[in-house]
Protein backbone atom coordinates (compact mmCIF):
# COMPACT_ATOMS: atom_id res chain seq x y z
CA MET A 1 -0.01 -0.01 0.00
CA VAL A 2 2.81 2.36 0.67
CA TYR A 3 4.41 1.82 -2.58
CA ARG A 4 1.00 2.44 -4.41
CA ALA A 5 0.68 5.70 -2.46
CA VAL A 6 4.27 6.96 -3.35
CA PHE A 7 4.02 6.06 -6.93
CA ALA A 8 0.52 7.47 -7.22
CA LEU A 9 1.95 10.79 -6.68
CA ARG A 10 2.88 12.87 -9.70
CA SER A 11 6.24 14.03 -8.36
CA PHE A 12 8.12 13.60 -5.16
CA ARG A 13 9.00 17.23 -5.24
CA MET A 14 5.53 17.99 -3.96
CA LEU A 15 6.16 16.03 -0.59
CA ARG A 16 7.47 17.83 2.44
CA PRO A 17 10.83 16.62 4.18
CA THR A 18 8.76 15.44 7.22
CA THR A 19 6.07 13.56 4.98
CA MET A 20 8.99 12.02 2.98
CA ALA A 21 10.75 10.69 6.23
CA CYS A 22 7.36 9.10 7.27
CA LEU A 23 6.95 7.48 3.97
CA VAL A 24 10.55 6.02 4.12
CA LEU A 25 9.95 4.73 7.69
CA LEU A 26 6.76 3.16 6.69
CA ILE A 27 8.47 1.25 3.85
CA PHE A 28 11.16 0.18 6.10
CA VAL A 29 8.53 -1.21 8.62
CA GLU A 30 6.83 -3.02 5.73
CA LEU A 31 10.14 -4.56 4.53
CA LEU A 32 10.69 -5.82 8.07
CA ASP A 33 7.36 -7.36 8.25
CA THR A 34 7.74 -9.12 4.97
CA THR A 35 11.07 -10.53 6.07
CA ALA A 36 9.42 -11.86 9.19
CA GLN A 37 6.64 -13.47 7.19
CA ALA A 38 9.20 -14.94 5.07
CA ALA A 39 11.17 -16.39 8.05
CA MET A 40 7.91 -18.01 9.56
CA THR A 41 7.05 -19.68 6.31
CA CYS A 42 5.90 -23.34 7.01
CA PRO A 43 7.53 -26.35 5.34
CA LYS A 44 5.44 -27.79 2.74
CA GLU A 45 5.52 -31.20 4.48
CA CYS A 46 4.08 -29.78 7.64
CA ASN A 47 1.22 -27.69 9.09
CA CYS A 48 1.92 -24.82 11.29
CA ILE A 49 -0.07 -23.16 14.02
CA GLU A 50 1.35 -19.65 14.17
CA GLU A 51 -0.29 -18.72 17.63
CA ASP A 52 1.95 -21.03 19.69
CA HIS A 53 4.73 -21.61 17.24
CA HIS A 54 3.66 -25.24 16.63
CA VAL A 55 4.86 -27.43 13.66
CA LEU A 56 3.02 -30.59 12.92
CA CYS A 57 4.49 -33.09 10.52
CA ASN A 58 2.81 -36.38 11.69
CA ALA A 59 2.00 -39.26 9.43
CA ARG A 60 3.63 -37.87 6.25
CA GLN A 61 5.74 -40.82 5.38
CA LEU A 62 8.93 -38.61 5.73
CA SER A 63 12.22 -40.22 5.75
CA THR A 64 14.07 -37.21 7.54
CA ILE A 65 13.50 -34.31 9.60
CA PRO A 66 12.09 -31.27 7.46
CA ARG A 67 14.63 -28.58 6.57
CA ASN A 68 14.03 -24.75 6.99
CA LEU A 69 11.96 -25.07 10.15
CA PRO A 70 10.91 -21.70 11.38
CA LYS A 71 13.20 -20.48 14.12
CA GLU A 72 10.60 -19.40 16.42
CA THR A 73 9.45 -23.10 16.60
CA THR A 74 8.63 -24.21 20.27
CA LYS A 75 6.65 -27.34 19.45
CA LEU A 76 7.69 -29.82 16.88
CA GLU A 77 5.91 -32.95 16.28
CA VAL A 78 7.10 -35.55 13.56
CA THR A 79 5.57 -38.66 14.73
CA TRP A 80 4.63 -41.86 12.70
CA ASN A 81 6.90 -41.46 9.87
CA ASN A 82 9.84 -43.55 8.40
CA ILE A 83 12.73 -41.62 9.93
CA ARG A 84 15.83 -43.85 10.54
CA ARG A 85 18.49 -41.39 11.30
CA ILE A 86 18.58 -37.74 12.74
CA PRO A 87 21.36 -35.66 11.43
CA GLU A 88 23.43 -33.79 14.20
CA ASP A 89 22.28 -30.40 12.85
CA ALA A 90 18.64 -31.39 12.55
CA PHE A 91 17.72 -28.90 15.39
CA SER A 92 20.59 -26.61 15.38
CA ASN A 93 18.57 -23.35 14.72
CA LEU A 94 15.61 -24.30 16.99
CA THR A 95 17.02 -22.68 20.17
CA ASN A 96 13.55 -21.93 21.48
CA LEU A 97 12.30 -25.58 21.12
CA GLU A 98 10.48 -26.80 24.18
CA LEU A 99 8.54 -29.92 22.89
CA LEU A 100 10.10 -32.56 20.72
CA HIS A 101 7.87 -35.42 19.73
CA LEU A 102 9.31 -38.27 17.67
CA GLN A 103 7.23 -41.09 18.64
CA GLY A 104 6.68 -43.96 15.90
CA ASN A 105 9.64 -43.79 13.82
CA ALA A 106 12.43 -46.14 13.19
CA ILE A 107 15.13 -44.21 14.79
CA SER A 108 18.07 -46.38 15.93
CA ASN A 109 20.70 -43.88 16.94
CA LEU A 110 20.46 -40.27 18.30
CA PRO A 111 23.40 -38.06 17.76
CA TYR A 112 24.79 -36.56 20.98
CA ASN A 113 24.93 -32.97 19.60
CA SER A 114 21.31 -33.16 18.22
CA LEU A 115 19.92 -32.80 21.79
CA LEU A 116 22.83 -30.67 23.24
CA ARG A 117 21.57 -27.65 21.12
CA LEU A 118 18.21 -27.54 22.69
CA PRO A 119 18.67 -25.53 26.03
CA GLU A 120 14.76 -25.04 26.65
CA LEU A 121 13.76 -28.66 26.02
CA THR A 122 11.26 -29.56 28.48
CA PHE A 123 9.28 -32.46 26.87
CA LEU A 124 11.02 -35.21 24.89
CA VAL A 125 9.19 -38.20 23.40
CA LEU A 126 11.08 -41.07 21.54
CA SER A 127 8.90 -43.93 22.35
CA GLU A 128 8.35 -46.79 19.76
CA ASN A 129 11.47 -46.53 17.90
CA HIS A 130 14.64 -48.77 17.49
CA LEU A 131 16.87 -46.96 19.90
CA ARG A 132 19.73 -49.30 21.13
CA ASP A 133 21.52 -46.49 22.93
CA PHE A 134 20.54 -43.10 24.14
CA PRO A 135 22.79 -40.08 24.73
CA TRP A 136 22.38 -39.73 28.34
CA GLY A 137 25.10 -37.14 28.83
CA ALA A 138 23.19 -34.82 26.45
CA ILE A 139 20.33 -34.26 28.76
CA LYS A 140 22.33 -34.04 32.09
CA ASP A 141 22.23 -30.19 31.87
CA LYS A 142 18.62 -30.09 30.92
CA VAL A 143 17.36 -28.84 34.17
CA GLU A 144 13.92 -27.80 32.77
CA LEU A 145 13.14 -31.33 31.43
CA THR A 146 9.86 -32.51 32.86
CA GLN A 147 8.84 -35.50 30.72
CA LEU A 148 11.20 -38.29 29.21
CA ALA A 149 9.44 -41.01 27.13
CA LEU A 150 11.75 -43.78 25.93
CA ASN A 151 9.38 -46.66 26.23
CA ASN A 152 8.99 -49.40 23.49
CA ASN A 153 12.70 -49.35 22.30
CA GLN A 154 15.66 -51.62 22.67
CA LEU A 155 17.60 -49.89 25.50
CA SER A 156 19.46 -52.27 27.75
CA SER A 157 21.81 -50.07 30.01
CA VAL A 158 22.11 -46.72 31.53
CA PRO A 159 25.07 -45.17 33.36
CA PRO A 160 24.96 -44.23 36.95
CA ASN A 161 23.83 -40.58 37.82
CA ALA A 162 22.42 -40.22 34.36
CA LEU A 163 19.34 -38.52 35.69
CA LYS A 164 20.85 -37.10 38.92
CA THR A 165 20.66 -33.46 37.58
CA LEU A 166 16.96 -33.50 36.23
CA ARG A 167 15.62 -32.13 39.42
CA ASN A 168 12.38 -31.24 37.58
CA LEU A 169 11.58 -34.52 35.97
CA GLN A 170 8.02 -35.45 36.58
CA ARG A 171 7.27 -38.41 34.10
CA LEU A 172 9.60 -41.16 33.07
CA SER A 173 8.72 -44.08 30.69
CA LEU A 174 11.19 -46.78 30.44
CA GLU A 175 8.85 -50.00 29.92
CA ASP A 176 9.03 -52.44 27.15
CA ASN A 177 12.79 -52.15 26.84
CA GLN A 178 15.76 -54.49 27.40
CA PHE A 179 16.73 -53.50 30.97
CA SER A 180 18.09 -56.21 33.09
CA THR A 181 19.58 -54.01 35.93
CA PHE A 182 19.73 -50.33 36.97
CA PRO A 183 22.44 -48.84 38.98
CA THR A 184 21.98 -48.55 42.77
CA ASP A 185 19.60 -45.84 43.93
CA PHE A 186 19.04 -44.88 40.37
CA PHE A 187 15.71 -43.12 40.87
CA ARG A 188 16.28 -41.87 44.38
CA GLY A 189 17.71 -38.51 42.98
CA LEU A 190 14.52 -37.45 41.38
CA PRO A 191 12.62 -35.23 43.82
CA SER A 192 9.83 -34.13 41.35
CA LEU A 193 9.11 -37.62 39.92
CA THR A 194 5.29 -38.46 39.98
CA ARG A 195 5.03 -41.37 37.39
CA LEU A 196 7.42 -43.92 36.61
CA THR A 197 6.84 -46.99 34.34
CA LEU A 198 9.13 -50.13 34.40
CA HIS A 199 7.22 -52.99 33.37
CA ASN A 200 7.97 -55.50 30.45
CA ASN A 201 11.78 -55.32 30.91
CA PRO A 202 13.87 -58.74 31.51
CA LEU A 203 14.92 -57.72 35.06
CA ASN A 204 17.65 -59.71 36.68
CA CYS A 205 16.44 -60.04 40.24
CA SER A 206 19.74 -60.88 41.81
CA CYS A 207 20.97 -59.39 44.99
CA GLY A 208 21.99 -56.14 43.36
CA MET A 209 18.35 -55.33 42.55
CA ARG A 210 17.19 -55.55 46.32
CA TRP A 211 17.18 -51.63 46.41
CA LEU A 212 14.82 -51.35 43.58
CA LYS A 213 12.13 -53.51 45.33
CA THR A 214 12.45 -51.52 48.41
CA TRP A 215 12.16 -48.19 46.39
CA VAL A 216 9.25 -49.52 44.44
CA GLN A 217 7.34 -50.71 47.53
CA ALA A 218 7.98 -47.24 49.23
CA ASN A 219 6.80 -45.30 46.24
CA MET A 220 3.75 -47.26 44.99
CA GLU A 221 1.81 -44.10 44.13
CA LYS A 222 4.52 -43.11 41.64
CA VAL A 223 4.64 -46.47 39.89
CA PRO A 224 1.20 -47.22 38.79
CA LYS A 225 2.05 -50.53 37.21
CA ALA A 226 4.36 -51.76 39.91
CA LYS A 227 2.64 -55.13 40.10
CA GLN A 228 3.43 -55.82 36.54
CA ILE A 229 7.18 -55.43 37.03
CA GLU A 230 8.37 -59.06 36.82
CA CYS A 231 11.75 -61.01 37.01
CA ALA A 232 13.31 -62.90 34.00
CA TRP A 233 16.35 -64.17 35.93
CA PRO A 234 17.48 -66.24 37.83
CA PRO A 235 15.23 -69.18 36.56
CA HIS A 236 13.68 -70.01 39.62
CA LEU A 237 12.38 -66.30 39.99
CA LYS A 238 11.14 -66.13 36.36
CA GLY A 239 7.60 -64.61 36.02
CA LYS A 240 7.46 -63.61 39.86
CA ARG A 241 6.80 -60.00 40.80
CA LEU A 242 9.65 -57.94 41.90
CA VAL A 243 7.73 -56.66 44.98
CA GLU A 244 7.14 -60.20 45.97
CA VAL A 245 10.54 -61.59 45.60
CA ASN A 246 12.43 -62.56 48.83
CA PHE A 247 16.08 -61.55 48.05
CA THR A 248 18.76 -63.68 49.83
CA CYS A 249 22.03 -62.17 49.39
CA GLN A 250 25.26 -63.70 50.05
CA PRO A 251 28.90 -63.00 49.31
CA PRO A 252 30.24 -64.11 45.88
CA PRO A 253 32.40 -67.38 45.64
CA ILE A 254 36.03 -66.35 44.90
CA PHE A 255 39.06 -68.37 43.55
CA VAL A 256 42.74 -67.33 43.18
CA TYR A 257 45.32 -69.09 41.15
CA PRO A 258 48.17 -70.02 42.15
CA ARG A 259 47.78 -69.67 45.99
CA GLU A 260 51.56 -69.56 46.48
CA ILE A 261 54.09 -68.15 44.19
CA ILE A 262 57.97 -69.05 44.35
CA VAL A 263 59.79 -66.33 42.32
CA LEU A 264 63.30 -65.54 41.72
CA GLU A 265 64.28 -61.87 42.45
CA ARG A 266 64.13 -59.68 39.40
CA TYR A 267 61.73 -62.00 37.65
CA THR A 268 58.16 -61.20 36.64
CA THR A 269 55.05 -63.33 37.77
CA ALA A 270 51.34 -62.82 38.05
CA ALA A 271 48.25 -64.25 39.75
CA GLN A 272 44.55 -64.18 38.81
CA CYS A 273 41.68 -63.85 41.04
CA ILE A 274 38.04 -64.94 39.91
CA ALA A 275 34.85 -64.22 41.47
CA LEU A 276 31.34 -65.18 40.45
CA GLY A 277 28.10 -63.62 41.09
CA GLU A 278 25.13 -61.14 39.90
CA PRO A 279 25.78 -58.33 39.36
CA LYS A 280 29.40 -59.10 38.31
CA PRO A 281 31.62 -58.46 41.58
CA SER A 282 34.21 -55.70 41.41
CA ILE A 283 37.74 -57.00 42.28
CA SER A 284 40.51 -55.35 43.92
CA TRP A 285 44.02 -56.31 45.27
CA VAL A 286 45.50 -55.36 48.65
CA SER A 287 49.26 -55.46 49.21
CA PRO A 288 50.85 -57.00 52.20
CA ASP A 289 51.12 -53.53 53.86
CA ARG A 290 47.21 -53.32 53.41
CA GLN A 291 47.38 -50.86 50.59
CA VAL A 292 45.09 -50.88 47.69
CA ILE A 293 47.04 -51.71 44.45
CA GLY A 294 46.05 -49.48 41.62
CA THR A 295 45.83 -49.83 37.87
CA SER A 296 48.39 -47.09 36.91
CA LYS A 297 51.67 -47.83 35.59
CA GLY A 298 53.98 -49.30 38.12
CA ARG A 299 56.01 -52.39 38.94
CA ILE A 300 53.24 -53.82 41.11
CA ARG A 301 49.68 -53.05 39.47
CA SER A 302 46.32 -54.54 38.59
CA LEU A 303 45.82 -55.41 34.98
CA GLY A 304 41.94 -55.79 35.33
CA ALA A 305 39.95 -58.97 35.00
CA GLY A 306 41.41 -59.80 38.41
CA VAL A 307 45.04 -60.30 37.30
CA LEU A 308 47.82 -58.91 39.51
CA LEU A 309 51.16 -58.40 37.94
CA LEU A 310 54.41 -58.41 39.89
CA ASN A 311 57.12 -57.08 37.51
CA ARG A 312 60.96 -57.49 38.30
CA VAL A 313 60.12 -58.85 41.76
CA ALA A 314 62.25 -57.49 44.82
CA ILE A 315 62.81 -59.00 48.06
CA GLU A 316 60.55 -56.31 49.66
CA ASP A 317 57.62 -57.48 47.53
CA LYS A 318 57.32 -60.91 49.67
CA GLY A 319 54.28 -61.47 51.71
CA THR A 320 50.49 -62.15 51.46
CA TYR A 321 48.58 -60.33 48.64
CA THR A 322 44.59 -60.35 49.22
CA CYS A 323 41.89 -60.22 46.55
CA VAL A 324 38.74 -58.69 47.51
CA ALA A 325 35.59 -59.33 45.52
CA SER A 326 32.51 -57.14 46.42
CA THR A 327 28.77 -57.21 45.35
CA PRO A 328 25.75 -55.81 47.15
CA GLY A 329 25.31 -59.16 48.92
CA GLY A 330 28.80 -58.81 50.76
CA SER A 331 32.45 -59.22 50.10
CA SER A 332 34.81 -62.15 49.77
CA VAL A 333 38.56 -62.42 50.18
CA ALA A 334 41.28 -64.85 49.08
CA HIS A 335 45.00 -64.80 49.68
CA VAL A 336 48.18 -65.38 47.43
CA VAL A 337 51.44 -66.05 49.36
CA VAL A 338 54.46 -64.63 47.35
CA LYS A 339 57.94 -65.99 48.21
CA VAL A 340 60.92 -64.35 46.63
CA GLN A 341 64.34 -66.18 46.40
CA THR A 342 67.47 -63.98 46.57
CA MET A 343 70.14 -64.29 43.77
CA THR A 344 73.44 -65.54 44.56
CA SER A 345 76.78 -64.72 43.00
CA ALA A 346 76.37 -67.67 40.61
CA ASP A 347 73.08 -66.37 39.51
CA ALA A 348 74.51 -63.02 38.23
CA PRO A 349 74.22 -62.31 34.59
CA ARG A 350 77.35 -63.52 32.64
CA PRO A 351 78.62 -62.32 29.05
CA ARG A 352 76.55 -63.96 26.48
CA SER A 353 79.79 -65.28 24.77
CA SER A 354 80.67 -67.49 27.85
CA THR A 355 77.14 -68.87 28.31
CA LEU A 356 76.65 -69.95 24.76
CA GLN A 357 79.83 -72.03 24.79
CA PRO A 358 80.19 -75.26 26.84
CA PRO A 359 82.88 -75.03 29.72
CA THR A 360 86.22 -76.77 29.39
CA ALA A 361 86.23 -79.67 31.82
CA PRO A 362 89.39 -80.02 34.17
CA GLN A 363 91.93 -82.80 33.28
CA ASN A 364 91.50 -84.66 36.46
CA GLY A 365 87.90 -85.51 35.38
CA ASN A 366 86.23 -83.71 37.99
CA THR A 367 84.04 -80.68 37.64
CA SER A 368 84.40 -77.70 39.93
CA PRO A 369 81.22 -76.30 41.71
CA LYS A 370 81.58 -73.10 39.71
CA ASP A 371 81.69 -75.03 36.43
CA GLN A 372 78.95 -77.15 37.37
CA LYS A 373 76.49 -74.23 37.80
CA ILE A 374 77.12 -72.99 34.23
CA GLN A 375 76.76 -76.46 32.75
CA PRO A 376 74.52 -75.83 29.66
CA ILE A 377 71.33 -77.93 29.62
CA SER A 378 69.34 -79.16 26.54
CA VAL A 379 65.67 -78.77 26.49
CA ARG A 380 63.14 -80.53 24.29
CA ALA A 381 59.41 -80.80 24.27
CA GLU A 382 57.73 -84.23 23.98
CA ASN A 383 54.16 -85.68 23.97
CA VAL A 384 52.73 -82.35 22.72
CA SER A 385 49.03 -82.15 23.00
CA PRO A 386 46.26 -79.64 22.57
CA TYR A 387 46.51 -78.50 26.09
CA GLY A 388 50.00 -79.25 27.35
CA ALA A 389 53.40 -80.89 26.87
CA ASN A 390 56.33 -82.66 28.62
CA ILE A 391 59.43 -80.57 28.87
CA LEU A 392 62.47 -83.04 29.11
CA VAL A 393 65.89 -81.77 30.35
CA THR A 394 69.13 -83.58 28.94
CA SER A 395 72.75 -82.95 29.11
CA ASN A 396 75.92 -84.10 27.29
CA THR A 397 77.82 -84.71 30.39
CA SER A 398 76.77 -85.57 34.13
CA TYR A 399 74.02 -83.06 35.28
CA ASN A 400 74.59 -81.39 38.51
CA ASN A 401 71.60 -81.72 40.94
CA ALA A 402 73.03 -79.34 43.52
CA GLY A 403 70.48 -76.62 42.66
CA PRO A 404 66.78 -76.52 41.55
CA LEU A 405 65.84 -75.66 38.09
CA ARG A 406 64.16 -72.38 37.29
CA VAL A 407 61.30 -72.56 34.88
CA TYR A 408 60.13 -69.69 32.79
CA TYR A 409 57.26 -69.86 30.16
CA ARG A 410 55.08 -67.43 28.23
CA VAL A 411 53.25 -67.38 24.86
CA ARG A 412 55.81 -66.70 22.28
CA SER A 413 53.68 -64.57 19.95
CA ASP A 414 52.44 -62.09 22.85
CA LYS A 415 55.45 -60.31 24.25
CA LEU A 416 53.62 -57.99 26.30
CA SER A 417 52.06 -60.86 28.43
CA PRO A 418 53.67 -61.59 31.69
CA GLY A 419 55.88 -64.42 31.96
CA TYR A 420 55.53 -67.11 34.70
CA THR A 421 58.44 -68.48 36.81
CA PHE A 422 58.62 -71.08 39.44
CA LEU A 423 61.34 -73.45 40.80
CA LEU A 424 61.57 -77.39 40.40
CA LYS A 425 62.59 -79.66 43.01
CA VAL A 426 66.08 -80.93 43.06
CA GLY A 427 66.84 -83.55 40.57
CA VAL A 428 63.44 -83.07 38.54
CA ARG A 429 64.10 -83.49 34.66
CA ASN A 430 60.70 -83.91 33.34
CA TYR A 431 57.97 -81.38 33.94
CA THR A 432 54.34 -81.59 32.39
CA PHE A 433 52.32 -78.78 31.53
CA GLN A 434 48.52 -79.17 31.45
CA GLU A 435 46.92 -75.75 31.11
CA PHE A 436 48.13 -74.54 27.87
CA SER A 437 45.85 -73.61 24.85
CA PRO A 438 45.33 -75.31 21.71
CA SER A 439 47.08 -74.10 18.49
CA THR A 440 49.38 -71.70 20.48
CA GLU A 441 52.91 -71.32 20.25
CA TYR A 442 54.94 -71.28 23.78
CA ILE A 443 58.59 -70.82 24.72
CA VAL A 444 59.75 -72.71 27.75
CA CYS A 445 63.10 -72.28 29.44
CA MET A 446 64.62 -74.57 32.16
CA SER A 447 67.97 -73.44 33.71
CA GLN A 448 69.91 -73.04 36.87
CA LYS A 449 70.97 -69.46 35.79
CA ILE A 450 69.10 -65.94 35.85
CA GLU A 451 69.73 -65.67 32.15
CA PRO A 452 69.13 -69.01 30.35
CA THR A 453 71.05 -69.77 27.14
CA LEU A 454 69.44 -70.70 23.77
CA GLU A 455 69.98 -74.48 24.31
CA GLU A 456 67.97 -74.17 27.64
CA CYS A 457 64.79 -72.82 25.75
CA VAL A 458 62.25 -74.64 23.50
CA VAL A 459 59.67 -73.30 21.22
CA PHE A 460 56.64 -75.47 20.21
CA GLU A 461 53.17 -75.12 19.16
CA THR A 462 50.56 -77.15 20.79
CA LEU A 463 48.26 -79.31 18.63
CA ALA A 464 44.84 -78.05 17.34
CA GLU A 465 41.86 -79.27 19.33
CA LYS A 466 40.58 -82.46 17.78
CA LYS A 467 37.02 -82.31 16.43
CA PRO A 468 34.79 -85.34 15.97
CA ASP A 469 34.76 -86.61 12.39
CA TYR A 470 31.17 -86.96 11.51
CA THR A 471 32.04 -88.17 7.70
CA ALA A 472 30.90 -91.83 8.32
CA TYR A 473 27.78 -90.83 9.94
CA ILE A 474 26.98 -88.28 7.25
CA ALA A 475 27.46 -90.94 4.53
CA LEU A 476 25.18 -93.37 6.47
CA ALA A 477 22.57 -90.57 6.78
CA VAL A 478 22.61 -89.96 2.98
CA CYS A 479 22.37 -93.54 2.12
CA ILE A 480 19.24 -94.06 4.26
CA GLY A 481 17.73 -90.72 3.12
CA SER A 482 18.29 -91.91 -0.33
CA LEU A 483 16.70 -95.32 0.24
CA PHE A 484 13.72 -93.61 1.94
CA LEU A 485 13.21 -91.37 -1.10
CA VAL A 486 13.40 -94.35 -3.43
CA LEU A 487 10.73 -96.06 -1.44
CA ILE A 488 8.54 -93.08 -1.44
CA PHE A 489 8.71 -92.40 -5.05
CA SER A 490 8.05 -96.17 -5.76
CA GLY A 491 5.04 -96.06 -3.62
CA LEU A 492 3.91 -92.91 -5.33
CA GLY A 493 4.37 -94.56 -8.71
CA TYR A 494 2.52 -97.50 -7.92
CA CYS A 495 -0.30 -95.49 -6.51
CA CYS A 496 -0.53 -93.36 -9.74
CA ALA A 497 -0.51 -96.62 -11.86
CA ARG A 498 -3.47 -98.12 -9.98
CA CYS A 499 -5.42 -94.74 -10.24
CA ARG A 500 -4.80 -94.68 -14.07
CA ILE A 501 -6.11 -98.31 -14.40
CA LYS A 502 -9.26 -97.60 -12.54
CA LYS A 503 -9.98 -94.55 -14.38
CA ARG A 504 -9.50 -96.27 -17.57
CA ARG A 505 -11.79 -98.95 -16.52
CA GLY A 506 -14.30 -96.57 -15.15
CA PRO A 507 -16.83 -97.53 -12.57
CA GLY A 508 -18.79 -100.90 -12.84
CA GLY A 509 -15.90 -102.79 -14.20
CA GLY A 510 -14.97 -100.79 -17.37
CA HIS A 511 -18.54 -100.36 -18.68
CA HIS A 512 -19.68 -96.64 -19.07
CA HIS A 513 -23.34 -96.48 -18.50
CA SER A 514 -25.68 -93.68 -20.23
CA SER A 515 -28.97 -92.42 -19.42
CA PRO A 516 -32.00 -94.43 -20.31
CA GLN A 517 -33.51 -94.06 -23.73
CA SER A 518 -30.19 -92.95 -25.01
CA HIS A 519 -27.63 -94.46 -27.45
CA SER A 520 -23.90 -94.16 -26.82
CA ARG A 521 -20.76 -96.00 -27.70
CA ASP A 522 -18.31 -97.87 -25.36
CA THR A 523 -14.83 -98.96 -25.89
CA ASP A 524 -13.54 -102.43 -25.52
CA LEU A 525 -10.35 -102.68 -23.50
CA HIS A 526 -8.85 -105.50 -25.27
CA THR A 527 -9.46 -104.12 -28.84
CA GLY A 528 -9.77 -100.55 -28.34
CA ILE A 529 -12.89 -100.65 -30.70
CA SER A 530 -15.94 -98.68 -29.72
CA LEU A 531 -19.11 -100.69 -29.05
CA PRO A 532 -22.51 -99.69 -29.55
CA THR A 533 -25.09 -100.08 -26.85
CA ILE A 534 -28.95 -100.27 -26.75
CA SER A 535 -31.22 -99.40 -24.24
CA GLN A 536 -34.25 -101.74 -23.38
CA GLN A 537 -36.90 -101.04 -20.87
CA GLY A 538 -34.69 -98.74 -19.00
CA HIS A 539 -31.56 -101.11 -18.87
CA GLU A 540 -28.51 -100.78 -21.08
CA HIS A 541 -27.32 -104.09 -22.66
CA MET A 542 -24.07 -104.34 -24.21
CA ILE A 543 -24.01 -105.69 -27.97
CA PRO A 544 -21.59 -108.62 -27.95
CA PRO A 545 -18.28 -107.29 -29.16
CA PRO A 546 -16.55 -108.46 -32.44
CA ASN A 547 -14.71 -111.55 -32.61
CA TYR A 548 -11.45 -111.08 -30.50
CA PHE A 549 -9.37 -112.77 -33.34
CA THR A 550 -8.45 -109.67 -35.28
CA LYS A 551 -6.10 -109.73 -38.21
CA TYR A 552 -3.89 -106.93 -39.35
CA GLU A 553 -3.67 -106.79 -43.16
CA ASN A 554 -1.78 -104.01 -44.88
CA GLY A 555 -2.50 -101.77 -41.96
CA PHE A 556 -6.16 -102.31 -42.06
CA VAL A 557 -8.07 -104.02 -39.25
CA ILE A 558 -10.35 -106.73 -40.34
CA SER A 559 -12.56 -108.05 -37.70
CA ARG A 560 -15.13 -110.95 -37.58
CA SER A 561 -18.38 -110.26 -35.83
CA ILE A 562 -20.70 -112.59 -34.22
CA GLU A 563 -24.41 -112.65 -34.90
CA VAL A 564 -26.64 -112.00 -32.12
C-alpha cells in the first residue's frame, strides 16, 4: 500500500521533508514485516500453528526431519513417519524448542549433539523407535526437562547418575525395553518424579536389585503398574513379581590361582582372582602392607579381570596379597602368598659369549662347583597335546643336581604378556604342563642361571583341538535318506499306476453307463474298438463285441463279428 501511495503521486517534489521521512519509515517497517513473514514460512510437508509456534509433521511418510523449520518453533511433532537417522544439525537453529515429539519412527541412533543444542527442552518423546543406545550425557544439563518417554525401544543399559541433575523431571517412561539391571539408587535422586513405568523389562532379580524392590514398595503411588514389574532371571524367579521376591544375598564365591608363588628376584610373575555373582563383582587387590593396588603404571599393579602383575620382583615384595571381591550381597577375600628367592653370585648375569659355549672340563675328570652351575642344559618338548606338553631336560655330561631348575614360560607371540616363573625340586628332569591353549606357540626355558641360554629354551606349538569326524555318520545318513526317497517315489508311482488303471476301466468294471433311452458307444479294453449299446426297458445291454481274433493286413483292421 505504501508503494502504491508513493508512486501514485505525480512528483516527489510535492512532498514535504517530514512527509518523505514518514514514508521512508513506513517502507522500512513493511520490509521488516515481509522478512518476518518469510522467516515464518511453514515447510510444505508440515502444518503450522502460528499462535503458539507449533509445527505438525505427523504421518507424512517422511524419511528425514524437514529442513528450513521456523526459528521461532517451540513445539515440533514428527510422529509416525519412516525416519531412521537424525542428523546432528537437525535442530541446530531451534534454540526456542520446548517440545520434541518423535514417536513411532524407526530411529536407531540419536546423535549426542542433536539434543545438546536444545537449551529450552522440557518435553522429549522418543517412544516406539529402534533405539539401542541413548545419549544420556546430552540431557544431564536439561534442568527444565519435565517429561522423558523412551518406552518401546531396545535400550539395555543406563550409566549411573544419568538423571541425577534432572530435578524437575516428573514423568519417566522406560517400559518395554531390554533393561536387566539399574544402577543402585538410580531413581532416588529425582525429587519431582510423579510417574514411573518399568514393566515389560527382563529384570535380573539378583541381590543387586534388592534396592529397587525397596524403592518401588515405598513409592507405589509413583509406579502405577508396579505389580506388572516381573523378574526374568534367575530361572527360579522367572515370572515372579518384583515386589514379592524374597532376596537372599550372599557374598560371591572367589578363587585365586596360584595360591603360592615362588619367584626368583628380578623375575616377573602374576596371579589371577576370579569371582562369580550377579551383578558382576568388583575385584581389587591389597598389598601386604594393606594398601590398595592401583591400575596405573608401576612395577606392581592390577591389570584388570582380576590379574595381579608383579614385575621385576624385589625382596621387599614378598608377603601375602589379598583379593577382595565385592557385590551388594557382601564381600569375599582370598590370599596369595608370594615368596622371593635371593640371587647368589652364581646367578648373576654373565657375558653372552661365555654362556653360549660349553665350559672346559678339568684334566682330572672332576668338575668344580663353579663350572657345574654354568653347565649348559638341553631342553626339548615331548608328547605335545592341544593342552600341554612334557618338557624334558638332558645334558651331554653328568648333570649337577646341586641346585633347583628355574622354569620360565610364556606365549611366544604375545611379548607383552607376563612371563611365569617357578622353581622345580632338585633332581627333577621332566615337567608336564597341562593348562596350555590349543594351537598356541609357547617358549619354555629351564635353567639354573638367571639368564638361560638358547640351548636351555624350547619353542613349540600345541596341537589343534581335535574335532569329532562325522563323515561316516553323514554318509550313512545320506544312504538311508536316499533309500527312503526311493521307497517314497516307488510307492507314489505304484499308486499313480493303480489310479490310471481304475480311471481307464471306469466304474462298474469298465462299462460306461448312459442315461435311459439314449444310445452311446463304449470302448472294448482289449481291442480298443468302440461298441454300440442299446437301451431296453430302462436298462443298457452291451451288444456282444466283435470277434477277438483280429487280423492286421496291410495296415487295415479286419474283424469278424458274431451274430446276436
